Amino acid sequence: MSNFDTEIDTSGLNCPLPLLKTKRALAAMSKGEYLRVIATDPAAFIDIPVYCQMSDNKLINSSKVQSKLIFIIEKNSS
């Protein structure tokens, strides 16, 4: 998916910073908008999907491109 409203690049940051920056970005967005998160911390592969389930935001896609983890999240919660 190449259509997103906001992108954050947390490359080089370690847990818990990628998750905290994801939470902050989603809080500033409107319902129905899409966030693209780029991370290099392996813990993000677990933390971000679990957070999406707990927060009622929808994880649209997660993938790994070389050493980067890419997540597309739809903001569902208000």
PDB file of N, CA and C in Angstrom:
ATOM      1  N   MET A   1       0.857  -1.186   0.000  1.00  0.00           N
ATOM      2  CA  MET A   1       0.000   0.000   0.000  1.00  0.00           C
ATOM      3  C   MET A   1       0.892   1.234   0.000  1.00  0.00           C
ATOM      4  N   SER A   2       0.692   2.091  -0.934  1.00  0.00           N
ATOM      5  CA  SER A   2       1.511   3.298  -1.009  1.00  0.00           C
ATOM      6  C   SER A   2       0.737   4.538  -0.587  1.00  0.00           C
ATOM      7  N   ASN A   3      -0.540   4.383  -0.306  1.00  0.00           N
ATOM      8  CA  ASN A   3      -1.340   5.531   0.110  1.00  0.00           C
ATOM      9  C   ASN A   3      -1.405   5.581   1.632  1.00  0.00           C
ATOM     10  N   PHE A   4      -0.838   6.634   2.203  1.00  0.00           N
ATOM     11  CA  PHE A   4      -0.912   6.836   3.642  1.00  0.00           C
ATOM     12  C   PHE A   4      -0.918   8.335   3.893  1.00  0.00           C
ATOM     13  N   ASP A   5      -1.461   8.712   5.044  1.00  0.00           N
ATOM     14  CA  ASP A   5      -1.591  10.133   5.370  1.00  0.00           C
ATOM     15  C   ASP A   5      -0.381  10.672   6.121  1.00  0.00           C
ATOM     16  N   THR A   6       0.221   9.823   6.944  1.00  0.00           N
ATOM     17  CA  THR A   6       1.350  10.227   7.769  1.00  0.00           C
ATOM     18  C   THR A   6       2.383   9.106   7.755  1.00  0.00           C
ATOM     19  N   GLU A   7       3.655   9.489   7.809  1.00  0.00           N
ATOM     20  CA  GLU A   7       4.724   8.493   7.886  1.00  0.00           C
ATOM     21  C   GLU A   7       5.673   8.885   9.004  1.00  0.00           C
ATOM     22  N   ILE A   8       6.081   7.886   9.793  1.00  0.00           N
ATOM     23  CA  ILE A   8       7.134   8.122  10.772  1.00  0.00           C
ATOM     24  C   ILE A   8       8.234   7.094  10.538  1.00  0.00           C
ATOM     25  N   ASP A   9       9.465   7.536  10.651  1.00  0.00           N
ATOM     26  CA  ASP A   9      10.620   6.663  10.468  1.00  0.00           C
ATOM     27  C   ASP A   9      11.337   6.564  11.812  1.00  0.00           C
ATOM     28  N   THR A  10      11.220   5.397  12.444  1.00  0.00           N
ATOM     29  CA  THR A  10      11.852   5.198  13.740  1.00  0.00           C
ATOM     30  C   THR A  10      13.124   4.358  13.607  1.00  0.00           C
ATOM     31  N   SER A  11      13.677   4.312  12.415  1.00  0.00           N
ATOM     32  CA  SER A  11      14.898   3.534  12.168  1.00  0.00           C
ATOM     33  C   SER A  11      15.988   3.949  13.152  1.00  0.00           C
ATOM     34  N   GLY A  12      16.642   2.947  13.734  1.00  0.00           N
ATOM     35  CA  GLY A  12      17.727   3.217  14.659  1.00  0.00           C
ATOM     36  C   GLY A  12      17.285   3.390  16.101  1.00  0.00           C
ATOM     37  N   LEU A  13      15.983   3.513  16.331  1.00  0.00           N
ATOM     38  CA  LEU A  13      15.482   3.668  17.694  1.00  0.00           C
ATOM     39  C   LEU A  13      15.140   2.300  18.271  1.00  0.00           C
ATOM     40  N   ASN A  14      15.408   2.130  19.554  1.00  0.00           N
ATOM     41  CA  ASN A  14      15.131   0.864  20.216  1.00  0.00           C
ATOM     42  C   ASN A  14      13.881   0.958  21.085  1.00  0.00           C
ATOM     43  N   CYS A  15      13.343  -0.192  21.411  1.00  0.00           N
ATOM     44  CA  CYS A  15      12.167  -0.325  22.255  1.00  0.00           C
ATOM     45  C   CYS A  15      12.367   0.484  23.533  1.00  0.00           C
ATOM     46  N   PRO A  16      11.409   1.268  23.949  1.00  0.00           N
ATOM     47  CA  PRO A  16      10.027   1.353  23.481  1.00  0.00           C
ATOM     48  C   PRO A  16       9.759   2.513  22.536  1.00  0.00           C
ATOM     49  N   LEU A  17      10.799   3.187  22.045  1.00  0.00           N
ATOM     50  CA  LEU A  17      10.588   4.409  21.257  1.00  0.00           C
ATOM     51  C   LEU A  17       9.762   4.213  19.983  1.00  0.00           C
ATOM     52  N   PRO A  18       9.963   3.161  19.178  1.00  0.00           N
ATOM     53  CA  PRO A  18       9.108   3.023  17.990  1.00  0.00           C
ATOM     54  C   PRO A  18       7.619   2.941  18.338  1.00  0.00           C
ATOM     55  N   LEU A  19       7.292   2.216  19.403  1.00  0.00           N
ATOM     56  CA  LEU A  19       5.891   2.114  19.812  1.00  0.00           C
ATOM     57  C   LEU A  19       5.376   3.450  20.342  1.00  0.00           C
ATOM     58  N   LEU A  20       6.168   4.132  21.150  1.00  0.00           N
ATOM     59  CA  LEU A  20       5.727   5.419  21.693  1.00  0.00           C
ATOM     60  C   LEU A  20       5.496   6.438  20.580  1.00  0.00           C
ATOM     61  N   LYS A  21       6.383   6.470  19.597  1.00  0.00           N
ATOM     62  CA  LYS A  21       6.210   7.398  18.474  1.00  0.00           C
ATOM     63  C   LYS A  21       5.000   7.012  17.629  1.00  0.00           C
ATOM     64  N   THR A  22       4.720   5.709  17.505  1.00  0.00           N
ATOM     65  CA  THR A  22       3.529   5.251  16.783  1.00  0.00           C
ATOM     66  C   THR A  22       2.272   5.716  17.503  1.00  0.00           C
ATOM     67  N   LYS A  23       2.242   5.547  18.819  1.00  0.00           N
ATOM     68  CA  LYS A  23       1.089   5.988  19.620  1.00  0.00           C
ATOM     69  C   LYS A  23       0.871   7.491  19.467  1.00  0.00           C
ATOM     70  N   ARG A  24       1.951   8.252  19.552  1.00  0.00           N
ATOM     71  CA  ARG A  24       1.855   9.717  19.449  1.00  0.00           C
ATOM     72  C   ARG A  24       1.330  10.134  18.072  1.00  0.00           C
ATOM     73  N   ALA A  25       1.835   9.488  17.028  1.00  0.00           N
ATOM     74  CA  ALA A  25       1.391   9.828  15.674  1.00  0.00           C
ATOM     75  C   ALA A  25      -0.091   9.499  15.495  1.00  0.00           C
ATOM     76  N   LEU A  26      -0.517   8.332  15.972  1.00  0.00           N
ATOM     77  CA  LEU A  26      -1.930   7.955  15.843  1.00  0.00           C
ATOM     78  C   LEU A  26      -2.827   8.902  16.622  1.00  0.00           C
ATOM     79  N   ALA A  27      -2.375   9.357  17.788  1.00  0.00           N
ATOM     80  CA  ALA A  27      -3.177  10.275  18.607  1.00  0.00           C
ATOM     81  C   ALA A  27      -3.442  11.586  17.878  1.00  0.00           C
ATOM     82  N   ALA A  28      -2.524  11.988  17.013  1.00  0.00           N
ATOM     83  CA  ALA A  28      -2.664  13.260  16.289  1.00  0.00           C
ATOM     84  C   ALA A  28      -3.464  13.113  14.996  1.00  0.00           C
ATOM     85  N   MET A  29      -3.836  11.886  14.648  1.00  0.00           N
ATOM     86  CA  MET A  29      -4.513  11.631  13.372  1.00  0.00           C
ATOM     87  C   MET A  29      -6.023  11.520  13.564  1.00  0.00           C
ATOM     88  N   SER A  30      -6.739  11.612  12.453  1.00  0.00           N
ATOM     89  CA  SER A  30      -8.190  11.468  12.469  1.00  0.00           C
ATOM     90  C   SER A  30      -8.578  10.041  12.118  1.00  0.00           C
ATOM     91  N   LYS A  31      -9.742   9.637  12.605  1.00  0.00           N
ATOM     92  CA  LYS A  31     -10.243   8.294  12.315  1.00  0.00           C
ATOM     93  C   LYS A  31     -10.302   8.073  10.800  1.00  0.00           C
ATOM     94  N   GLY A  32      -9.838   6.900  10.358  1.00  0.00           N
ATOM     95  CA  GLY A  32      -9.855   6.564   8.939  1.00  0.00           C
ATOM     96  C   GLY A  32      -8.576   6.921   8.200  1.00  0.00           C
ATOM     97  N   GLU A  33      -7.671   7.652   8.842  1.00  0.00           N
ATOM     98  CA  GLU A  33      -6.400   7.985   8.202  1.00  0.00           C
ATOM     99  C   GLU A  33      -5.421   6.822   8.363  1.00  0.00           C
ATOM    100  N   TYR A  34      -4.415   6.800   7.503  1.00  0.00           N
ATOM    101  CA  TYR A  34      -3.437   5.721   7.482  1.00  0.00           C
ATOM    102  C   TYR A  34      -2.065   6.231   7.904  1.00  0.00           C
ATOM    103  N   LEU A  35      -1.415   5.440   8.740  1.00  0.00           N
ATOM    104  CA  LEU A  35      -0.065   5.741   9.220  1.00  0.00           C
ATOM    105  C   LEU A  35       0.890   4.679   8.699  1.00  0.00           C
ATOM    106  N   ARG A  36       2.011   5.121   8.163  1.00  0.00           N
ATOM    107  CA  ARG A  36       3.078   4.200   7.750  1.00  0.00           C
ATOM    108  C   ARG A  36       4.212   4.357   8.745  1.00  0.00           C
ATOM    109  N   VAL A  37       4.617   3.242   9.351  1.00  0.00           N
ATOM    110  CA  VAL A  37       5.693   3.241  10.333  1.00  0.00           C
ATOM    111  C   VAL A  37       6.855   2.424   9.775  1.00  0.00           C
ATOM    112  N   ILE A  38       8.052   2.995   9.843  1.00  0.00           N
ATOM    113  CA  ILE A  38       9.272   2.297   9.455  1.00  0.00           C
ATOM    114  C   ILE A  38      10.084   2.100  10.732  1.00  0.00           C
ATOM    115  N   ALA A  39      10.508   0.858  10.981  1.00  0.00           N
ATOM    116  CA  ALA A  39      11.268   0.557  12.193  1.00  0.00           C
ATOM    117  C   ALA A  39      12.382  -0.430  11.865  1.00  0.00           C
ATOM    118  N   THR A  40      13.413  -0.410  12.684  1.00  0.00           N
ATOM    119  CA  THR A  40      14.490  -1.393  12.551  1.00  0.00           C
ATOM    120  C   THR A  40      14.609  -2.255  13.802  1.00  0.00           C
ATOM    121  N   ASP A  41      13.950  -1.879  14.875  1.00  0.00           N
ATOM    122  CA  ASP A  41      14.004  -2.636  16.121  1.00  0.00           C
ATOM    123  C   ASP A  41      13.158  -3.901  15.991  1.00  0.00           C
ATOM    124  N   PRO A  42      13.750  -5.092  16.147  1.00  0.00           N
ATOM    125  CA  PRO A  42      12.988  -6.334  16.005  1.00  0.00           C
ATOM    126  C   PRO A  42      11.782  -6.425  16.944  1.00  0.00           C
ATOM    127  N   ALA A  43      11.846  -5.772  18.099  1.00  0.00           N
ATOM    128  CA  ALA A  43      10.722  -5.808  19.047  1.00  0.00           C
ATOM    129  C   ALA A  43       9.476  -5.143  18.466  1.00  0.00           C
ATOM    130  N   ALA A  44       9.652  -4.231  17.528  1.00  0.00           N
ATOM    131  CA  ALA A  44       8.500  -3.556  16.914  1.00  0.00           C
ATOM    132  C   ALA A  44       7.617  -4.542  16.169  1.00  0.00           C
ATOM    133  N   PHE A  45       8.201  -5.641  15.686  1.00  0.00           N
ATOM    134  CA  PHE A  45       7.434  -6.647  14.957  1.00  0.00           C
ATOM    135  C   PHE A  45       6.382  -7.296  15.849  1.00  0.00           C
ATOM    136  N   ILE A  46       6.627  -7.290  17.159  1.00  0.00           N
ATOM    137  CA  ILE A  46       5.656  -7.796  18.130  1.00  0.00           C
ATOM    138  C   ILE A  46       4.857  -6.640  18.724  1.00  0.00           C
ATOM    139  N   ASP A  47       5.540  -5.586  19.154  1.00  0.00           N
ATOM    140  CA  ASP A  47       4.902  -4.494  19.891  1.00  0.00           C
ATOM    141  C   ASP A  47       3.810  -3.782  19.106  1.00  0.00           C
ATOM    142  N   ILE A  48       4.069  -3.451  17.862  1.00  0.00           N
ATOM    143  CA  ILE A  48       3.109  -2.658  17.097  1.00  0.00           C
ATOM    144  C   ILE A  48       1.844  -3.448  16.774  1.00  0.00           C
ATOM    145  N   PRO A  49       1.918  -4.705  16.302  1.00  0.00           N
ATOM    146  CA  PRO A  49       0.679  -5.461  16.092  1.00  0.00           C
ATOM    147  C   PRO A  49      -0.137  -5.667  17.374  1.00  0.00           C
ATOM    148  N   VAL A  50       0.544  -5.940  18.495  1.00  0.00           N
ATOM    149  CA  VAL A  50      -0.169  -6.121  19.766  1.00  0.00           C
ATOM    150  C   VAL A  50      -0.848  -4.815  20.169  1.00  0.00           C
ATOM    151  N   TYR A  51      -0.150  -3.699  20.017  1.00  0.00           N
ATOM    152  CA  TYR A  51      -0.755  -2.404  20.337  1.00  0.00           C
ATOM    153  C   TYR A  51      -1.986  -2.150  19.464  1.00  0.00           C
ATOM    154  N   CYS A  52      -1.915  -2.476  18.188  1.00  0.00           N
ATOM    155  CA  CYS A  52      -3.071  -2.264  17.300  1.00  0.00           C
ATOM    156  C   CYS A  52      -4.283  -3.052  17.794  1.00  0.00           C
ATOM    157  N   GLN A  53      -4.073  -4.291  18.190  1.00  0.00           N
ATOM    158  CA  GLN A  53      -5.181  -5.097  18.709  1.00  0.00           C
ATOM    159  C   GLN A  53      -5.745  -4.490  19.983  1.00  0.00           C
ATOM    160  N   MET A  54      -4.891  -4.057  20.885  1.00  0.00           N
ATOM    161  CA  MET A  54      -5.342  -3.523  22.166  1.00  0.00           C
ATOM    162  C   MET A  54      -6.012  -2.160  22.018  1.00  0.00           C
ATOM    163  N   SER A  55      -5.630  -1.397  21.022  1.00  0.00           N
ATOM    164  CA  SER A  55      -6.127  -0.024  20.875  1.00  0.00           C
ATOM    165  C   SER A  55      -7.250   0.089  19.848  1.00  0.00           C
ATOM    166  N   ASP A  56      -7.635  -1.006  19.216  1.00  0.00           N
ATOM    167  CA  ASP A  56      -8.695  -1.017  18.210  1.00  0.00           C
ATOM    168  C   ASP A  56      -8.304  -0.286  16.925  1.00  0.00           C
ATOM    169  N   ASN A  57      -7.009  -0.076  16.715  1.00  0.00           N
ATOM    170  CA  ASN A  57      -6.549   0.412  15.420  1.00  0.00           C
ATOM    171  C   ASN A  57      -6.276  -0.805  14.547  1.00  0.00           C
ATOM    172  N   LYS A  58      -6.396  -0.648  13.233  1.00  0.00           N
ATOM    173  CA  LYS A  58      -6.319  -1.798  12.338  1.00  0.00           C
ATOM    174  C   LYS A  58      -4.956  -1.858  11.656  1.00  0.00           C
ATOM    175  N   LEU A  59      -4.253  -2.971  11.890  1.00  0.00           N
ATOM    176  CA  LEU A  59      -2.988  -3.199  11.188  1.00  0.00           C
ATOM    177  C   LEU A  59      -3.330  -3.712   9.801  1.00  0.00           C
ATOM    178  N   ILE A  60      -3.098  -2.889   8.794  1.00  0.00           N
ATOM    179  CA  ILE A  60      -3.442  -3.230   7.410  1.00  0.00           C
ATOM    180  C   ILE A  60      -2.391  -4.155   6.806  1.00  0.00           C
ATOM    181  N   ASN A  61      -1.123  -3.856   7.102  1.00  0.00           N
ATOM    182  CA  ASN A  61      -0.047  -4.647   6.504  1.00  0.00           C
ATOM    183  C   ASN A  61       1.212  -4.496   7.348  1.00  0.00           C
ATOM    184  N   SER A  62       1.989  -5.566   7.400  1.00  0.00           N
ATOM    185  CA  SER A  62       3.329  -5.480   7.971  1.00  0.00           C
ATOM    186  C   SER A  62       4.251  -6.266   7.053  1.00  0.00           C
ATOM    187  N   SER A  63       5.424  -5.727   6.817  1.00  0.00           N
ATOM    188  CA  SER A  63       6.360  -6.396   5.921  1.00  0.00           C
ATOM    189  C   SER A  63       7.781  -6.054   6.342  1.00  0.00           C
ATOM    190  N   LYS A  64       8.710  -6.824   5.808  1.00  0.00           N
ATOM    191  CA  LYS A  64      10.123  -6.559   6.058  1.00  0.00           C
ATOM    192  C   LYS A  64      10.787  -6.323   4.711  1.00  0.00           C
ATOM    193  N   VAL A  65      11.445  -5.189   4.580  1.00  0.00           N
ATOM    194  CA  VAL A  65      12.171  -4.846   3.367  1.00  0.00           C
ATOM    195  C   VAL A  65      13.618  -4.613   3.785  1.00  0.00           C
ATOM    196  N   GLN A  66      14.481  -5.540   3.393  1.00  0.00           N
ATOM    197  CA  GLN A  66      15.879  -5.559   3.839  1.00  0.00           C
ATOM    198  C   GLN A  66      15.887  -5.594   5.367  1.00  0.00           C
ATOM    199  N   SER A  67      16.432  -4.597   6.039  1.00  0.00           N
ATOM    200  CA  SER A  67      16.481  -4.624   7.502  1.00  0.00           C
ATOM    201  C   SER A  67      15.378  -3.772   8.132  1.00  0.00           C
ATOM    202  N   LYS A  68      14.457  -3.280   7.301  1.00  0.00           N
ATOM    203  CA  LYS A  68      13.410  -2.392   7.825  1.00  0.00           C
ATOM    204  C   LYS A  68      12.070  -3.106   7.917  1.00  0.00           C
ATOM    205  N   LEU A  69      11.385  -2.841   9.024  1.00  0.00           N
ATOM    206  CA  LEU A  69      10.020  -3.325   9.216  1.00  0.00           C
ATOM    207  C   LEU A  69       9.084  -2.190   8.830  1.00  0.00           C
ATOM    208  N   ILE A  70       8.072  -2.503   8.040  1.00  0.00           N
ATOM    209  CA  ILE A  70       7.139  -1.487   7.571  1.00  0.00           C
ATOM    210  C   ILE A  70       5.730  -1.892   7.992  1.00  0.00           C
ATOM    211  N   PHE A  71       5.033  -0.975   8.640  1.00  0.00           N
ATOM    212  CA  PHE A  71       3.671  -1.215   9.097  1.00  0.00           C
ATOM    213  C   PHE A  71       2.744  -0.159   8.509  1.00  0.00           C
ATOM    214  N   ILE A  72       1.571  -0.590   8.076  1.00  0.00           N
ATOM    215  CA  ILE A  72       0.511   0.340   7.670  1.00  0.00           C
ATOM    216  C   ILE A  72      -0.634   0.139   8.655  1.00  0.00           C
ATOM    217  N   ILE A  73      -1.026   1.223   9.314  1.00  0.00           N
ATOM    218  CA  ILE A  73      -2.051   1.165  10.349  1.00  0.00           C
ATOM    219  C   ILE A  73      -3.166   2.136   9.996  1.00  0.00           C
ATOM    220  N   GLU A  74      -4.411   1.648  10.088  1.00  0.00           N
ATOM    221  CA  GLU A  74      -5.564   2.539   9.922  1.00  0.00           C
ATOM    222  C   GLU A  74      -6.053   2.943  11.289  1.00  0.00           C
ATOM    223  N   LYS A  75      -6.176   4.250  11.500  1.00  0.00           N
ATOM    224  CA  LYS A  75      -6.667   4.746  12.779  1.00  0.00           C
ATOM    225  C   LYS A  75      -8.166   4.492  12.848  1.00  0.00           C
ATOM    226  N   ASN A  76      -8.590   3.660  13.774  1.00  0.00           N
ATOM    227  CA  ASN A  76     -10.007   3.369  13.966  1.00  0.00           C
ATOM    228  C   ASN A  76     -10.550   3.967  15.231  1.00  0.00           C
ATOM    229  N   SER A  77      -9.717   4.057  16.262  1.00  0.00           N
ATOM    230  CA  SER A  77     -10.209   4.579  17.539  1.00  0.00           C
ATOM    231  C   SER A  77     -10.219   6.096  17.490  1.00  0.00           C
ATOM    232  N   SER A  78     -11.058   6.677  18.326  1.00  0.00           N
ATOM    233  CA  SER A  78     -11.152   8.145  18.326  1.00  0.00           C
ATOM    234  C   SER A  78     -10.267   8.764  19.371  1.00  0.00           C
TER     235      SER A  78
END
